[in-house]
C-alpha atoms as a PDB file:
ATOM      1  CA  MET A   1     132.326-109.372  53.157  1.00  0.00           C
ATOM      2  CA  SER A   2     135.611-107.439  52.458  1.00  0.00           C
ATOM      3  CA  LEU A   3     138.071-106.142  55.098  1.00  0.00           C
ATOM      4  CA  ILE A   4     136.778-102.596  54.138  1.00  0.00           C
ATOM      5  CA  GLU A   5     133.386-103.290  54.708  1.00  0.00           C
ATOM      6  CA  ALA A   6     134.135-105.227  58.213  1.00  0.00           C
ATOM      7  CA  MET A   7     135.778-101.914  59.132  1.00  0.00           C
ATOM      8  CA  MET A   8     132.704 -99.722  58.503  1.00  0.00           C
ATOM      9  CA  VAL A   9     131.232 -97.948  61.471  1.00  0.00           C
ATOM     10  CA  PRO A  10     127.885 -96.313  61.902  1.00  0.00           C
ATOM     11  CA  CYS A  11     127.811 -92.439  61.171  1.00  0.00           C
ATOM     12  CA  LEU A  12     125.169 -89.768  60.659  1.00  0.00           C
ATOM     13  CA  ARG A  13     125.105 -86.969  57.981  1.00  0.00           C
ATOM     14  CA  PHE A  14     124.365 -83.588  59.418  1.00  0.00           C
ATOM     15  CA  GLU A  15     122.494 -80.828  57.647  1.00  0.00           C
ATOM     16  CA  GLN A  16     122.290 -77.040  58.761  1.00  0.00           C
ATOM     17  CA  SER A  17     118.889 -75.711  59.020  1.00  0.00           C
ATOM     18  CA  ALA A  18     118.337 -71.965  58.593  1.00  0.00           C
ATOM     19  CA  ALA A  19     115.414 -69.734  59.629  1.00  0.00           C
ATOM     20  CA  ALA A  20     114.793 -66.097  59.885  1.00  0.00           C
ATOM     21  CA  ASP A  21     115.887 -64.961  63.237  1.00  0.00           C
ATOM     22  CA  GLY A  22     113.549 -62.013  63.427  1.00  0.00           C
ATOM     23  CA  VAL A  23     116.331 -59.462  63.060  1.00  0.00           C
ATOM     24  CA  LEU A  24     116.569 -59.500  59.125  1.00  0.00           C
ATOM     25  CA  GLY A  25     119.206 -62.458  59.591  1.00  0.00           C
ATOM     26  CA  ARG A  26     119.216 -66.002  59.574  1.00  0.00           C
ATOM     27  CA  ALA A  27     119.891 -68.382  62.466  1.00  0.00           C
ATOM     28  CA  GLY A  28     120.073 -72.105  62.184  1.00  0.00           C
ATOM     29  CA  GLY A  29     121.493 -75.258  63.879  1.00  0.00           C
ATOM     30  CA  TRP A  30     122.895 -78.433  62.767  1.00  0.00           C
ATOM     31  CA  HIS A  31     120.935 -81.767  63.058  1.00  0.00           C
ATOM     32  CA  PRO A  32     121.333 -85.368  62.060  1.00  0.00           C
ATOM     33  CA  THR A  33     119.567 -86.614  59.131  1.00  0.00           C
ATOM     34  CA  VAL A  34     120.800 -89.914  57.308  1.00  0.00           C
ATOM     35  CA  PRO A  35     122.631 -92.881  59.152  1.00  0.00           C
ATOM     36  CA  PHE A  36     125.148 -94.631  57.030  1.00  0.00           C
ATOM     37  CA  LYS A  37     128.237 -96.933  57.578  1.00  0.00           C
ATOM     38  CA  ALA A  38     131.682 -95.944  56.429  1.00  0.00           C
ATOM     39  CA  THR A  39     135.216 -96.804  57.104  1.00  0.00           C
ATOM     40  CA  ILE A  40     137.430 -93.919  58.340  1.00  0.00           C
ATOM     41  CA  ILE A  41     141.226 -94.005  57.587  1.00  0.00           C
ATOM     42  CA  LYS A  42     143.481 -91.479  58.811  1.00  0.00           C
ATOM     43  CA  ASN A  43     145.817 -90.323  56.180  1.00  0.00           C
ATOM     44  CA  ALA A  44     149.767 -90.472  57.189  1.00  0.00           C
ATOM     45  CA  MET A  45     151.728 -87.573  56.943  1.00  0.00           C
ATOM     46  CA  ASN A  46     155.403 -87.885  57.466  1.00  0.00           C
ATOM     47  CA  GLU A  47     157.681 -85.379  59.450  1.00  0.00           C
ATOM     48  CA  GLU A  48     158.930 -83.649  56.547  1.00  0.00           C
ATOM     49  CA  GLN A  49     155.422 -82.996  55.091  1.00  0.00           C
ATOM     50  CA  ARG A  50     154.350 -81.640  58.505  1.00  0.00           C
ATOM     51  CA  ALA A  51     157.343 -79.512  58.779  1.00  0.00           C
ATOM     52  CA  GLU A  52     156.602 -77.829  55.345  1.00  0.00           C
ATOM     53  CA  GLN A  53     153.024 -77.509  55.946  1.00  0.00           C
ATOM     54  CA  PRO A  54     152.272 -76.861  59.705  1.00  0.00           C
ATOM     55  CA  ALA A  55     148.852 -75.596  59.262  1.00  0.00           C
ATOM     56  CA  VAL A  56     147.481 -78.719  57.323  1.00  0.00           C
ATOM     57  CA  LYS A  57     144.599 -80.353  58.929  1.00  0.00           C
ATOM     58  CA  GLU A  58     144.445 -84.013  59.737  1.00  0.00           C
ATOM     59  CA  THR A  59     142.917 -85.679  56.663  1.00  0.00           C
ATOM     60  CA  PHE A  60     141.055 -88.841  56.316  1.00  0.00           C
ATOM     61  CA  THR A  61     139.761 -91.152  53.564  1.00  0.00           C
ATOM     62  CA  ILE A  62     136.386 -92.044  53.804  1.00  0.00           C
ATOM     63  CA  VAL A  63     134.899 -95.213  52.244  1.00  0.00           C
ATOM     64  CA  VAL A  64     131.199 -95.638  51.768  1.00  0.00           C
ATOM     65  CA  GLN A  65     129.191 -98.156  50.006  1.00  0.00           C
ATOM     66  CA  LYS A  66     128.731 -97.435  46.239  1.00  0.00           C
ATOM     67  CA  GLY A  67     125.880 -95.460  45.501  1.00  0.00           C
ATOM     68  CA  PHE A  68     125.800 -93.541  48.710  1.00  0.00           C
ATOM     69  CA  ARG A  69     126.725 -90.042  48.019  1.00  0.00           C
ATOM     70  CA  LEU A  70     128.956 -87.752  50.050  1.00  0.00           C
ATOM     71  CA  THR A  71     129.880 -84.453  48.357  1.00  0.00           C
ATOM     72  CA  TYR A  72     132.066 -81.356  49.042  1.00  0.00           C
ATOM     73  CA  LYS A  73     131.237 -79.613  52.278  1.00  0.00           C
ATOM     74  CA  ASP A  74     128.960 -82.302  53.642  1.00  0.00           C
ATOM     75  CA  VAL A  75     129.210 -82.904  57.496  1.00  0.00           C
ATOM     76  CA  PHE A  76     129.001 -86.113  59.210  1.00  0.00           C
ATOM     77  CA  GLN A  77     129.486 -87.609  62.809  1.00  0.00           C
ATOM     78  CA  ARG A  78     131.308 -90.961  63.791  1.00  0.00           C
ATOM     79  CA  GLN A  79     128.670 -92.201  66.248  1.00  0.00           C
ATOM     80  CA  SER A  80     131.172 -94.009  68.403  1.00  0.00           C
ATOM     81  CA  ASP A  81     133.004 -91.095  69.497  1.00  0.00           C
ATOM     82  CA  GLY A  82     130.972 -87.991  68.265  1.00  0.00           C
ATOM     83  CA  GLN A  83     133.915 -86.892  66.254  1.00  0.00           C
ATOM     84  CA  LEU A  84     132.610 -84.532  63.188  1.00  0.00           C
ATOM     85  CA  PHE A  85     134.120 -84.605  59.710  1.00  0.00           C
ATOM     86  CA  ILE A  86     133.794 -82.170  56.699  1.00  0.00           C
ATOM     87  CA  VAL A  87     133.846 -83.685  53.424  1.00  0.00           C
ATOM     88  CA  THR A  88     136.522 -82.180  50.970  1.00  0.00           C
ATOM     89  CA  GLY A  89     136.000 -84.221  47.725  1.00  0.00           C
ATOM     90  CA  ASN A  90     133.007 -85.969  46.153  1.00  0.00           C
ATOM     91  CA  SER A  91     132.406 -89.913  46.551  1.00  0.00           C
ATOM     92  CA  LEU A  92     131.130 -89.924  42.758  1.00  0.00           C
ATOM     93  CA  ASP A  93     134.862 -89.063  41.731  1.00  0.00           C
ATOM     94  CA  SER A  94     136.182 -92.381  43.089  1.00  0.00           C
ATOM     95  CA  GLU A  95     133.778 -94.951  42.885  1.00  0.00           C
ATOM     96  CA  ALA A  96     134.611 -98.477  42.104  1.00  0.00           C
ATOM     97  CA  PRO A  97     133.834 -99.808  38.444  1.00  0.00           C
ATOM     98  CA  GLU A  98     130.981-101.936  37.926  1.00  0.00           C
ATOM     99  CA  ALA A  99     133.278-105.110  37.395  1.00  0.00           C
ATOM    100  CA  SER A 100     134.741-104.673  40.684  1.00  0.00           C
ATOM    101  CA  THR A 101     133.662-107.085  43.464  1.00  0.00           C
ATOM    102  CA  ILE A 102     134.103-104.376  46.220  1.00  0.00           C
ATOM    103  CA  GLN A 103     131.309-101.973  45.413  1.00  0.00           C
ATOM    104  CA  ILE A 104     132.647 -98.744  47.391  1.00  0.00           C
ATOM    105  CA  GLY A 105     133.100 -95.084  46.569  1.00  0.00           C
ATOM    106  CA  LYS A 106     135.878 -93.107  48.518  1.00  0.00           C
ATOM    107  CA  VAL A 107     135.960 -89.315  49.351  1.00  0.00           C
ATOM    108  CA  THR A 108     138.677 -87.232  51.623  1.00  0.00           C
ATOM    109  CA  ALA A 109     137.520 -85.397  54.720  1.00  0.00           C
ATOM    110  CA  GLU A 110     138.936 -83.256  57.610  1.00  0.00           C
ATOM    111  CA  ARG A 111     138.299 -83.185  61.372  1.00  0.00           C
ATOM    112  CA  TRP A 112     135.642 -80.404  61.812  1.00  0.00           C
ATOM    113  CA  GLU A 113     133.954 -78.530  64.916  1.00  0.00           C
ATOM    114  CA  LEU A 114     130.418 -76.984  64.559  1.00  0.00           C
ATOM    115  CA  PRO A 115     130.950 -73.271  64.299  1.00  0.00           C
ATOM    116  CA  ASP A 116     130.026 -71.158  67.118  1.00  0.00           C
ATOM    117  CA  ALA A 117     126.573 -69.757  66.978  1.00  0.00           C
END
């Protein structure tokens, strides 16, 4: 087992459900669907970058087992503290090659909160 794999924590992917609200609109909620494990690493920003881009959100590198797909706008929750993240990339774009001994994919994400309903 690699260090990256040993750092993986339980997570849950969330999906949004939508149904007619009876007033020609749609209402929905978020519900957990798929459990998986991921390593969540906060990306560092130096003071100069932070000063130039004060509105930039905290970003994270998310490492998952190769073959598990996280795609743009997927939402997931770290189970240990309930923190939600929204994916800003695609894990297929950064998978390890077949010859690699570590079979992982990685993607970027930001902290996220459920929108007010």
